[in-house]
């Protein structure tokens, strides 16, 4: 559902950081490592946002649903 906006935002930032990462211009070699680090962080965070977070959410949601469906071991309903 949120795939396109997340991907477009990350790609815009990555493309914007490319000149810095390539070290173009006068004194660009000083800022190139920072640009590469930012691009690497954006790639990792985008993958985490699109893959890791939904998987963990799904696992927790399924676990809670299974826990709610189990009968109480004491025979007394759980208090809210």
N, C-alpha and C. Protein backbone atom coordinates (compact mmCIF):
# COMPACT_ATOMS: atom_id res chain seq x y z
N UNK A 1 0.82 -1.18 0.00
CA UNK A 1 0.00 0.00 0.00
C UNK A 1 0.88 1.26 0.00
N UNK A 2 1.96 1.24 0.76
CA UNK A 2 2.84 2.40 0.85
C UNK A 2 4.13 2.18 0.06
N UNK A 3 4.16 1.18 -0.80
CA UNK A 3 5.37 0.84 -1.54
C UNK A 3 5.86 1.99 -2.42
N UNK A 4 4.97 2.52 -3.23
CA UNK A 4 5.37 3.55 -4.19
C UNK A 4 5.89 4.83 -3.52
N UNK A 5 5.20 5.40 -2.53
CA UNK A 5 5.74 6.62 -1.91
C UNK A 5 7.08 6.41 -1.22
N UNK A 6 7.25 5.28 -0.55
CA UNK A 6 8.52 5.00 0.13
C UNK A 6 9.64 4.86 -0.89
N UNK A 7 9.38 4.12 -1.96
CA UNK A 7 10.40 3.91 -2.99
C UNK A 7 10.73 5.21 -3.71
N UNK A 8 9.74 6.01 -4.02
CA UNK A 8 10.00 7.27 -4.73
C UNK A 8 10.80 8.25 -3.86
N UNK A 9 10.49 8.31 -2.59
CA UNK A 9 11.23 9.20 -1.69
C UNK A 9 12.68 8.76 -1.56
N UNK A 10 12.89 7.47 -1.37
CA UNK A 10 14.26 6.95 -1.23
C UNK A 10 15.05 7.16 -2.52
N UNK A 11 14.45 6.86 -3.65
CA UNK A 11 15.16 7.03 -4.92
C UNK A 11 15.50 8.50 -5.20
N UNK A 12 14.60 9.40 -4.86
CA UNK A 12 14.90 10.82 -5.05
C UNK A 12 16.09 11.25 -4.21
N UNK A 13 16.15 10.79 -2.99
CA UNK A 13 17.27 11.13 -2.11
C UNK A 13 18.56 10.49 -2.60
N UNK A 14 18.51 9.24 -3.03
CA UNK A 14 19.70 8.55 -3.53
C UNK A 14 20.23 9.24 -4.78
N UNK A 15 19.35 9.58 -5.70
CA UNK A 15 19.77 10.27 -6.93
C UNK A 15 20.35 11.64 -6.60
N UNK A 16 19.75 12.31 -5.61
CA UNK A 16 20.27 13.61 -5.20
C UNK A 16 21.64 13.53 -4.54
N UNK A 17 21.96 12.41 -3.93
CA UNK A 17 23.25 12.24 -3.26
C UNK A 17 24.35 11.73 -4.19
N UNK A 18 24.00 11.30 -5.39
CA UNK A 18 25.00 10.74 -6.31
C UNK A 18 26.16 11.69 -6.62
N UNK A 19 25.92 12.96 -6.93
CA UNK A 19 27.06 13.85 -7.20
C UNK A 19 28.02 13.95 -6.01
N UNK A 20 27.45 13.97 -4.81
CA UNK A 20 28.30 14.02 -3.62
C UNK A 20 29.09 12.73 -3.46
N UNK A 21 28.45 11.59 -3.69
CA UNK A 21 29.10 10.29 -3.53
C UNK A 21 30.19 10.07 -4.59
N UNK A 22 30.01 10.64 -5.75
CA UNK A 22 31.01 10.48 -6.81
C UNK A 22 32.19 11.42 -6.64
N UNK A 23 32.06 12.39 -5.75
CA UNK A 23 33.15 13.31 -5.50
C UNK A 23 33.40 14.29 -6.63
N UNK A 24 32.34 14.72 -7.28
CA UNK A 24 32.48 15.66 -8.39
C UNK A 24 32.74 17.07 -7.87
N UNK A 25 33.44 17.84 -8.61
CA UNK A 25 33.69 19.23 -8.25
C UNK A 25 34.93 19.41 -7.40
N UNK A 26 35.21 20.65 -7.13
CA UNK A 26 36.40 21.00 -6.36
C UNK A 26 36.22 20.60 -4.90
N UNK A 27 37.14 19.83 -4.35
CA UNK A 27 37.06 19.37 -2.97
C UNK A 27 36.03 18.28 -2.75
N UNK A 28 35.56 17.71 -3.81
CA UNK A 28 34.52 16.68 -3.70
C UNK A 28 35.00 15.39 -3.08
N UNK A 29 36.30 15.13 -3.16
CA UNK A 29 36.81 13.88 -2.60
C UNK A 29 36.69 13.84 -1.07
N UNK A 30 36.56 15.00 -0.45
CA UNK A 30 36.38 15.02 1.01
C UNK A 30 34.97 14.59 1.41
N UNK A 31 33.99 14.94 0.63
CA UNK A 31 32.60 14.63 0.96
C UNK A 31 32.11 13.31 0.39
N UNK A 32 32.89 12.68 -0.47
CA UNK A 32 32.46 11.44 -1.12
C UNK A 32 32.14 10.33 -0.11
N UNK A 33 32.95 10.09 0.92
CA UNK A 33 32.59 9.03 1.88
C UNK A 33 31.26 9.29 2.60
N UNK A 34 30.99 10.55 2.90
CA UNK A 34 29.71 10.88 3.53
C UNK A 34 28.55 10.57 2.59
N UNK A 35 28.69 10.92 1.33
CA UNK A 35 27.64 10.64 0.36
C UNK A 35 27.40 9.15 0.20
N UNK A 36 28.47 8.37 0.19
CA UNK A 36 28.33 6.91 0.07
C UNK A 36 27.66 6.32 1.31
N UNK A 37 28.02 6.85 2.47
CA UNK A 37 27.40 6.36 3.71
C UNK A 37 25.91 6.68 3.75
N UNK A 38 25.54 7.86 3.30
CA UNK A 38 24.13 8.25 3.28
C UNK A 38 23.35 7.36 2.31
N UNK A 39 23.92 7.11 1.15
CA UNK A 39 23.25 6.25 0.16
C UNK A 39 23.11 4.83 0.71
N UNK A 40 24.13 4.31 1.34
CA UNK A 40 24.05 2.97 1.93
C UNK A 40 22.99 2.89 3.02
N UNK A 41 22.93 3.93 3.85
CA UNK A 41 21.90 3.97 4.89
C UNK A 41 20.50 4.05 4.33
N UNK A 42 20.34 4.82 3.27
CA UNK A 42 19.03 4.92 2.62
C UNK A 42 18.59 3.59 2.03
N UNK A 43 19.52 2.89 1.41
CA UNK A 43 19.18 1.58 0.83
C UNK A 43 18.78 0.60 1.93
N UNK A 44 19.56 0.55 3.01
CA UNK A 44 19.24 -0.36 4.12
C UNK A 44 17.91 0.00 4.78
N UNK A 45 17.68 1.27 5.01
CA UNK A 45 16.43 1.67 5.67
C UNK A 45 15.22 1.45 4.76
N UNK A 46 15.39 1.61 3.46
CA UNK A 46 14.29 1.36 2.53
C UNK A 46 13.93 -0.12 2.52
N UNK A 47 14.94 -0.98 2.50
CA UNK A 47 14.69 -2.43 2.54
C UNK A 47 14.01 -2.80 3.85
N UNK A 48 14.49 -2.22 4.95
CA UNK A 48 13.86 -2.50 6.24
C UNK A 48 12.42 -2.04 6.27
N UNK A 49 12.15 -0.88 5.70
CA UNK A 49 10.79 -0.35 5.70
C UNK A 49 9.86 -1.19 4.84
N UNK A 50 10.35 -1.66 3.72
CA UNK A 50 9.49 -2.39 2.77
C UNK A 50 9.39 -3.89 3.06
N UNK A 51 10.36 -4.46 3.77
CA UNK A 51 10.37 -5.91 3.99
C UNK A 51 10.30 -6.25 5.47
N UNK A 52 11.26 -5.78 6.24
CA UNK A 52 11.39 -6.20 7.63
C UNK A 52 10.22 -5.77 8.51
N UNK A 53 9.83 -4.53 8.44
CA UNK A 53 8.75 -4.02 9.29
C UNK A 53 7.42 -4.73 9.00
N UNK A 54 7.00 -4.90 7.74
CA UNK A 54 5.74 -5.63 7.51
C UNK A 54 5.79 -7.09 7.97
N UNK A 55 6.94 -7.74 7.82
CA UNK A 55 7.05 -9.14 8.26
C UNK A 55 6.91 -9.22 9.78
N UNK A 56 7.61 -8.37 10.50
CA UNK A 56 7.51 -8.38 11.96
C UNK A 56 6.09 -8.03 12.40
N UNK A 57 5.47 -7.05 11.77
CA UNK A 57 4.09 -6.70 12.10
C UNK A 57 3.16 -7.89 11.90
N UNK A 58 3.32 -8.59 10.79
CA UNK A 58 2.48 -9.75 10.50
C UNK A 58 2.68 -10.85 11.54
N UNK A 59 3.92 -11.11 11.91
CA UNK A 59 4.20 -12.14 12.92
C UNK A 59 3.59 -11.79 14.27
N UNK A 60 3.73 -10.55 14.69
CA UNK A 60 3.16 -10.12 15.97
C UNK A 60 1.63 -10.16 15.92
N UNK A 61 1.06 -9.73 14.82
CA UNK A 61 -0.40 -9.75 14.67
C UNK A 61 -0.93 -11.19 14.73
N UNK A 62 -0.29 -12.11 14.02
CA UNK A 62 -0.71 -13.51 14.04
C UNK A 62 -0.55 -14.11 15.43
N UNK A 63 0.54 -13.77 16.12
CA UNK A 63 0.76 -14.27 17.46
C UNK A 63 -0.33 -13.79 18.42
N UNK A 64 -0.70 -12.53 18.31
CA UNK A 64 -1.75 -11.98 19.17
C UNK A 64 -3.11 -12.63 18.86
N UNK A 65 -3.38 -12.88 17.59
CA UNK A 65 -4.64 -13.51 17.20
C UNK A 65 -4.72 -14.94 17.75
N UNK A 66 -3.61 -15.68 17.65
CA UNK A 66 -3.58 -17.04 18.19
C UNK A 66 -3.73 -17.03 19.70
N UNK A 67 -3.11 -16.09 20.35
CA UNK A 67 -3.17 -15.99 21.81
C UNK A 67 -4.59 -15.65 22.27
N UNK A 68 -5.27 -14.79 21.52
CA UNK A 68 -6.64 -14.42 21.87
C UNK A 68 -7.61 -15.57 21.63
N UNK A 69 -7.30 -16.46 20.70
CA UNK A 69 -8.20 -17.57 20.37
C UNK A 69 -8.04 -18.74 21.33
N UNK A 70 -6.95 -18.79 22.09
CA UNK A 70 -6.74 -19.89 23.02
C UNK A 70 -7.65 -19.73 24.24
N UNK A 71 -8.20 -20.84 24.70
CA UNK A 71 -9.01 -20.76 25.92
C UNK A 71 -8.11 -20.53 27.14
N UNK A 72 -8.67 -19.92 28.14
CA UNK A 72 -7.92 -19.63 29.36
C UNK A 72 -7.63 -20.94 30.09
N UNK A 73 -6.43 -21.10 30.61
CA UNK A 73 -6.06 -22.35 31.29
C UNK A 73 -6.70 -22.45 32.66
N UNK A 74 -7.13 -21.35 33.27
CA UNK A 74 -7.74 -21.38 34.60
C UNK A 74 -9.24 -21.53 34.55
N UNK A 75 -9.81 -21.38 33.39
CA UNK A 75 -11.26 -21.46 33.27
C UNK A 75 -11.95 -20.14 33.56
N UNK A 76 -11.19 -19.16 34.01
CA UNK A 76 -11.74 -17.84 34.31
C UNK A 76 -11.39 -16.92 33.17
N UNK A 77 -12.34 -16.15 32.65
CA UNK A 77 -12.01 -15.23 31.55
C UNK A 77 -10.95 -14.21 31.97
N UNK A 78 -10.11 -13.83 31.04
CA UNK A 78 -9.09 -12.84 31.31
C UNK A 78 -9.73 -11.49 31.57
N UNK A 79 -9.15 -10.76 32.53
CA UNK A 79 -9.65 -9.43 32.84
C UNK A 79 -9.15 -8.45 31.78
N UNK A 80 -9.92 -7.44 31.54
CA UNK A 80 -9.55 -6.45 30.53
C UNK A 80 -8.78 -5.33 31.17
